[in-house]
Amino acid sequence: MELTPRQQAYVRKRTKHDEPDPSEVAGELNIVPFLDIVVNLILFLLATSAQVMIVAELDAHLPSLSRGRRASSSTEQGSTLNLSVTIAENGIIVSGSGGKLAPGCTQMQSGRVITVPRGGDGTYNWRALTECVARVHSQFPDENQVILSADPSIEYEHIIQAMDAVRAQGTDPLFPNVMLSAGVR
């Protein structure tokens, strides 16, 4: 049996199934536009975080970890300063290998000493700390290192202000190498 061309077209039309789009069959979403947005967002965040890191960078040195103590001569021990600045609730304590500095930073004193007392309004006197450290630096001009520690309750802003106060007086460097230490007294 032979079909006419019109009948063949009719059979083809009736037997042909409409094939759906492949993305409709699998239920997949087109995620290319989403990925474009994510890639652009990542590039933007990387570019801006690099700028923020440069602005927020502080040069601080951590003490090195060592086992035991190396033997040193008495002349080496006498010439090292080991300057330490501790920020406490009631003021700032400046000490060295010879002891703690008394208020005014002219002589050493033992016991509980606050070198730069906190002001009546509760603020720290950073200018007095800079002047005190400048007096110490005039006696030890070759020293450039200070250990900075703070009580756990001290705000981070005060630690940064103390770092600025001991690093330089105007344009003259005092103790540019600031080492951070745990707040243990």
C-alpha atoms as a PDB file:
ATOM      1  CA  MET A   1       0.000   0.000   0.000  1.00  0.00           C
ATOM      2  CA  GLU A   2       1.319   3.222  -1.112  1.00  0.00           C
ATOM      3  CA  LEU A   3       0.452   6.542   0.500  1.00  0.00           C
ATOM      4  CA  THR A   4       0.043   9.754  -1.332  1.00  0.00           C
ATOM      5  CA  PRO A   5       2.342  12.618  -0.421  1.00  0.00           C
ATOM      6  CA  ARG A   6      -0.478  14.332   1.380  1.00  0.00           C
ATOM      7  CA  GLN A   7      -1.145  11.228   3.462  1.00  0.00           C
ATOM      8  CA  GLN A   8       2.555  10.856   4.232  1.00  0.00           C
ATOM      9  CA  ALA A   9       2.660  14.440   5.503  1.00  0.00           C
ATOM     10  CA  TYR A  10      -0.384  13.784   7.649  1.00  0.00           C
ATOM     11  CA  VAL A  11       1.185  10.662   9.185  1.00  0.00           C
ATOM     12  CA  ARG A  12       4.462  12.485   9.822  1.00  0.00           C
ATOM     13  CA  LYS A  13       2.613  15.330  11.475  1.00  0.00           C
ATOM     14  CA  ARG A  14       0.652  13.010  13.740  1.00  0.00           C
ATOM     15  CA  THR A  15       3.584  10.789  14.689  1.00  0.00           C
ATOM     16  CA  LYS A  16       6.151  13.560  15.269  1.00  0.00           C
ATOM     17  CA  HIS A  17       6.571  14.358  18.922  1.00  0.00           C
ATOM     18  CA  ASP A  18       7.507  17.860  19.963  1.00  0.00           C
ATOM     19  CA  GLU A  19      10.861  17.558  21.664  1.00  0.00           C
ATOM     20  CA  PRO A  20      11.223  19.934  24.592  1.00  0.00           C
ATOM     21  CA  ASP A  21      14.302  22.087  25.090  1.00  0.00           C
ATOM     22  CA  PRO A  22      17.138  20.113  26.766  1.00  0.00           C
ATOM     23  CA  SER A  23      17.281  22.587  29.667  1.00  0.00           C
ATOM     24  CA  GLU A  24      13.569  21.979  30.353  1.00  0.00           C
ATOM     25  CA  VAL A  25      13.966  18.211  30.412  1.00  0.00           C
ATOM     26  CA  ALA A  26      16.737  18.131  33.023  1.00  0.00           C
ATOM     27  CA  GLY A  27      15.319  20.972  35.130  1.00  0.00           C
ATOM     28  CA  GLU A  28      18.620  22.868  35.034  1.00  0.00           C
ATOM     29  CA  LEU A  29      18.923  26.590  35.532  1.00  0.00           C
ATOM     30  CA  ASN A  30      21.140  28.839  33.511  1.00  0.00           C
ATOM     31  CA  ILE A  31      23.706  29.932  36.117  1.00  0.00           C
ATOM     32  CA  VAL A  32      26.049  31.824  33.795  1.00  0.00           C
ATOM     33  CA  PRO A  33      24.646  35.272  34.733  1.00  0.00           C
ATOM     34  CA  PHE A  34      24.895  34.375  38.415  1.00  0.00           C
ATOM     35  CA  LEU A  35      28.529  33.301  38.007  1.00  0.00           C
ATOM     36  CA  ASP A  36      29.308  36.567  36.215  1.00  0.00           C
ATOM     37  CA  ILE A  37      28.002  38.509  39.203  1.00  0.00           C
ATOM     38  CA  VAL A  38      29.936  36.347  41.687  1.00  0.00           C
ATOM     39  CA  VAL A  39      33.217  36.717  39.785  1.00  0.00           C
ATOM     40  CA  ASN A  40      32.790  40.491  39.573  1.00  0.00           C
ATOM     41  CA  LEU A  41      31.968  40.662  43.270  1.00  0.00           C
ATOM     42  CA  ILE A  42      35.052  38.637  44.205  1.00  0.00           C
ATOM     43  CA  LEU A  43      37.300  40.841  42.078  1.00  0.00           C
ATOM     44  CA  PHE A  44      35.809  43.968  43.662  1.00  0.00           C
ATOM     45  CA  LEU A  45      36.286  42.602  47.198  1.00  0.00           C
ATOM     46  CA  LEU A  46      39.887  41.603  46.504  1.00  0.00           C
ATOM     47  CA  ALA A  47      40.710  45.022  45.079  1.00  0.00           C
ATOM     48  CA  THR A  48      39.167  46.920  47.993  1.00  0.00           C
ATOM     49  CA  SER A  49      40.605  44.639  50.687  1.00  0.00           C
ATOM     50  CA  ALA A  50      44.117  45.268  49.368  1.00  0.00           C
ATOM     51  CA  GLN A  51      43.583  49.007  49.837  1.00  0.00           C
ATOM     52  CA  VAL A  52      42.198  48.532  53.354  1.00  0.00           C
ATOM     53  CA  MET A  53      45.123  46.329  54.353  1.00  0.00           C
ATOM     54  CA  ILE A  54      47.608  49.017  53.367  1.00  0.00           C
ATOM     55  CA  VAL A  55      45.822  51.646  55.443  1.00  0.00           C
ATOM     56  CA  ALA A  56      45.442  49.439  58.518  1.00  0.00           C
ATOM     57  CA  GLU A  57      48.960  48.019  58.595  1.00  0.00           C
ATOM     58  CA  LEU A  58      51.010  48.583  61.755  1.00  0.00           C
ATOM     59  CA  ASP A  59      54.631  47.600  62.109  1.00  0.00           C
ATOM     60  CA  ALA A  60      54.982  45.640  65.346  1.00  0.00           C
ATOM     61  CA  HIS A  61      57.531  43.044  66.379  1.00  0.00           C
ATOM     62  CA  LEU A  62      56.744  40.019  68.503  1.00  0.00           C
ATOM     63  CA  PRO A  63      59.271  38.661  70.987  1.00  0.00           C
ATOM     64  CA  SER A  64      61.107  35.593  69.751  1.00  0.00           C
ATOM     65  CA  LEU A  65      60.562  32.264  71.440  1.00  0.00           C
ATOM     66  CA  SER A  66      63.687  30.718  72.933  1.00  0.00           C
ATOM     67  CA  ARG A  67      64.540  27.958  75.345  1.00  0.00           C
ATOM     68  CA  GLY A  68      66.688  28.868  78.294  1.00  0.00           C
ATOM     69  CA  ARG A  69      68.879  31.908  78.562  1.00  0.00           C
ATOM     70  CA  ARG A  70      72.172  32.376  76.830  1.00  0.00           C
ATOM     71  CA  ALA A  71      75.181  33.166  78.935  1.00  0.00           C
ATOM     72  CA  SER A  72      76.156  36.804  78.768  1.00  0.00           C
ATOM     73  CA  SER A  73      78.841  38.888  80.327  1.00  0.00           C
ATOM     74  CA  SER A  74      78.085  41.426  83.044  1.00  0.00           C
ATOM     75  CA  THR A  75      78.936  44.297  80.684  1.00  0.00           C
ATOM     76  CA  GLU A  76      76.261  43.162  78.233  1.00  0.00           C
ATOM     77  CA  GLN A  77      73.667  42.953  80.993  1.00  0.00           C
ATOM     78  CA  GLY A  78      74.523  46.413  82.278  1.00  0.00           C
ATOM     79  CA  SER A  79      74.196  48.064  78.882  1.00  0.00           C
ATOM     80  CA  THR A  80      70.826  46.624  77.860  1.00  0.00           C
ATOM     81  CA  LEU A  81      67.787  48.703  78.669  1.00  0.00           C
ATOM     82  CA  ASN A  82      64.888  46.240  78.259  1.00  0.00           C
ATOM     83  CA  LEU A  83      62.434  49.133  78.263  1.00  0.00           C
ATOM     84  CA  SER A  84      58.889  48.037  79.006  1.00  0.00           C
ATOM     85  CA  VAL A  85      55.706  50.115  78.917  1.00  0.00           C
ATOM     86  CA  THR A  86      52.620  48.659  80.586  1.00  0.00           C
ATOM     87  CA  ILE A  87      49.187  50.225  80.228  1.00  0.00           C
ATOM     88  CA  ALA A  88      47.169  49.623  83.390  1.00  0.00           C
ATOM     89  CA  GLU A  89      43.735  50.774  84.530  1.00  0.00           C
ATOM     90  CA  ASN A  90      45.159  53.519  86.754  1.00  0.00           C
ATOM     91  CA  GLY A  91      47.977  54.722  84.488  1.00  0.00           C
ATOM     92  CA  ILE A  92      51.092  53.816  82.547  1.00  0.00           C
ATOM     93  CA  ILE A  93      54.094  52.026  84.047  1.00  0.00           C
ATOM     94  CA  VAL A  94      57.509  52.526  82.438  1.00  0.00           C
ATOM     95  CA  SER A  95      60.197  50.105  83.570  1.00  0.00           C
ATOM     96  CA  GLY A  96      63.590  48.919  82.465  1.00  0.00           C
ATOM     97  CA  SER A  97      66.295  46.534  83.579  1.00  0.00           C
ATOM     98  CA  GLY A  98      67.056  48.874  86.523  1.00  0.00           C
ATOM     99  CA  GLY A  99      63.494  48.975  87.893  1.00  0.00           C
ATOM    100  CA  LYS A 100      60.385  51.120  87.486  1.00  0.00           C
ATOM    101  CA  LEU A 101      60.520  54.829  86.750  1.00  0.00           C
ATOM    102  CA  ALA A 102      58.928  57.113  89.327  1.00  0.00           C
ATOM    103  CA  PRO A 103      56.530  59.881  88.259  1.00  0.00           C
ATOM    104  CA  GLY A 104      58.515  62.568  86.454  1.00  0.00           C
ATOM    105  CA  CYS A 105      60.787  59.922  84.879  1.00  0.00           C
ATOM    106  CA  THR A 106      63.923  61.135  86.637  1.00  0.00           C
ATOM    107  CA  GLN A 107      64.622  58.332  89.117  1.00  0.00           C
ATOM    108  CA  MET A 108      63.944  54.653  89.696  1.00  0.00           C
ATOM    109  CA  GLN A 109      61.580  53.427  92.385  1.00  0.00           C
ATOM    110  CA  SER A 110      60.520  50.000  93.615  1.00  0.00           C
ATOM    111  CA  GLY A 111      57.096  48.685  94.543  1.00  0.00           C
ATOM    112  CA  ARG A 112      53.785  49.655  92.968  1.00  0.00           C
ATOM    113  CA  VAL A 113      54.639  52.690  90.874  1.00  0.00           C
ATOM    114  CA  ILE A 114      52.569  54.440  88.214  1.00  0.00           C
ATOM    115  CA  THR A 115      54.966  56.462  86.060  1.00  0.00           C
ATOM    116  CA  VAL A 116      52.273  58.399  84.197  1.00  0.00           C
ATOM    117  CA  PRO A 117      49.043  58.441  86.242  1.00  0.00           C
ATOM    118  CA  ARG A 118      45.681  58.513  84.510  1.00  0.00           C
ATOM    119  CA  GLY A 119      44.028  61.935  84.402  1.00  0.00           C
ATOM    120  CA  GLY A 120      41.116  62.972  86.596  1.00  0.00           C
ATOM    121  CA  ASP A 121      38.771  62.679  83.632  1.00  0.00           C
ATOM    122  CA  GLY A 122      39.929  59.097  82.989  1.00  0.00           C
ATOM    123  CA  THR A 123      42.142  59.833  79.972  1.00  0.00           C
ATOM    124  CA  TYR A 124      45.727  58.721  79.525  1.00  0.00           C
ATOM    125  CA  ASN A 125      48.403  61.405  79.179  1.00  0.00           C
ATOM    126  CA  TRP A 126      50.172  60.285  75.991  1.00  0.00           C
ATOM    127  CA  ARG A 127      52.247  63.472  75.792  1.00  0.00           C
ATOM    128  CA  ALA A 128      53.706  62.774  79.257  1.00  0.00           C
ATOM    129  CA  LEU A 129      54.512  59.215  78.155  1.00  0.00           C
ATOM    130  CA  THR A 130      56.318  60.531  75.075  1.00  0.00           C
ATOM    131  CA  GLU A 131      58.313  63.005  77.207  1.00  0.00           C
ATOM    132  CA  CYS A 132      59.221  60.258  79.682  1.00  0.00           C
ATOM    133  CA  VAL A 133      60.348  57.896  76.941  1.00  0.00           C
ATOM    134  CA  ALA A 134      62.314  60.763  75.335  1.00  0.00           C
ATOM    135  CA  ARG A 135      64.237  61.215  78.618  1.00  0.00           C
ATOM    136  CA  VAL A 136      65.039  57.515  78.655  1.00  0.00           C
ATOM    137  CA  HIS A 137      66.088  57.656  74.997  1.00  0.00           C
ATOM    138  CA  SER A 138      68.461  60.557  75.709  1.00  0.00           C
ATOM    139  CA  GLN A 139      70.275  58.328  78.230  1.00  0.00           C
ATOM    140  CA  PHE A 140      70.232  55.295  75.908  1.00  0.00           C
ATOM    141  CA  PRO A 141      70.492  56.735  72.373  1.00  0.00           C
ATOM    142  CA  ASP A 142      71.464  53.391  70.790  1.00  0.00           C
ATOM    143  CA  GLU A 143      68.355  51.585  72.033  1.00  0.00           C
ATOM    144  CA  ASN A 144      65.409  51.425  69.641  1.00  0.00           C
ATOM    145  CA  GLN A 145      63.236  48.664  71.081  1.00  0.00           C
ATOM    146  CA  VAL A 146      60.402  48.786  73.622  1.00  0.00           C
ATOM    147  CA  ILE A 147      58.095  46.063  74.917  1.00  0.00           C
ATOM    148  CA  LEU A 148      54.470  47.165  75.157  1.00  0.00           C
ATOM    149  CA  SER A 149      51.951  45.276  77.263  1.00  0.00           C
ATOM    150  CA  ALA A 150      48.477  46.079  78.512  1.00  0.00           C
ATOM    151  CA  ASP A 151      45.999  44.786  81.037  1.00  0.00           C
ATOM    152  CA  PRO A 152      43.226  42.694  79.458  1.00  0.00           C
ATOM    153  CA  SER A 153      40.612  45.381  80.116  1.00  0.00           C
ATOM    154  CA  ILE A 154      42.490  48.068  78.140  1.00  0.00           C
ATOM    155  CA  GLU A 155      40.871  49.099  74.862  1.00  0.00           C
ATOM    156  CA  TYR A 156      42.706  48.425  71.617  1.00  0.00           C
ATOM    157  CA  GLU A 157      42.643  52.149  70.784  1.00  0.00           C
ATOM    158  CA  HIS A 158      44.783  52.895  73.866  1.00  0.00           C
ATOM    159  CA  ILE A 159      47.364  50.298  72.791  1.00  0.00           C
ATOM    160  CA  ILE A 160      47.679  51.963  69.374  1.00  0.00           C
ATOM    161  CA  GLN A 161      47.998  55.407  70.999  1.00  0.00           C
ATOM    162  CA  ALA A 162      50.740  54.063  73.284  1.00  0.00           C
ATOM    163  CA  MET A 163      52.564  52.630  70.261  1.00  0.00           C
ATOM    164  CA  ASP A 164      52.422  56.041  68.593  1.00  0.00           C
ATOM    165  CA  ALA A 165      53.606  57.765  71.784  1.00  0.00           C
ATOM    166  CA  VAL A 166      56.737  55.610  72.211  1.00  0.00           C
ATOM    167  CA  ARG A 167      57.744  55.485  68.546  1.00  0.00           C
ATOM    168  CA  ALA A 168      58.548  59.126  67.908  1.00  0.00           C
ATOM    169  CA  GLN A 169      58.466  62.627  69.321  1.00  0.00           C
ATOM    170  CA  GLY A 170      57.478  64.792  66.378  1.00  0.00           C
ATOM    171  CA  THR A 171      59.811  63.693  63.606  1.00  0.00           C
ATOM    172  CA  ASP A 172      62.535  62.386  65.952  1.00  0.00           C
ATOM    173  CA  PRO A 173      62.394  58.601  66.335  1.00  0.00           C
ATOM    174  CA  LEU A 174      62.498  57.312  69.915  1.00  0.00           C
ATOM    175  CA  PHE A 175      61.807  53.582  70.056  1.00  0.00           C
ATOM    176  CA  PRO A 176      60.515  52.582  66.593  1.00  0.00           C
ATOM    177  CA  ASN A 177      60.656  48.818  67.240  1.00  0.00           C
ATOM    178  CA  VAL A 178      57.595  48.139  69.370  1.00  0.00           C
ATOM    179  CA  MET A 179      57.200  44.556  70.564  1.00  0.00           C
ATOM    180  CA  LEU A 180      53.807  43.461  71.853  1.00  0.00           C
ATOM    181  CA  SER A 181      53.673  41.285  74.931  1.00  0.00           C
ATOM    182  CA  ALA A 182      50.977  39.670  77.046  1.00  0.00           C
ATOM    183  CA  GLY A 183      49.541  41.855  79.784  1.00  0.00           C
ATOM    184  CA  VAL A 184      51.161  40.143  82.768  1.00  0.00           C
ATOM    185  CA  ARG A 185      52.410  42.139  85.723  1.00  0.00           C
END
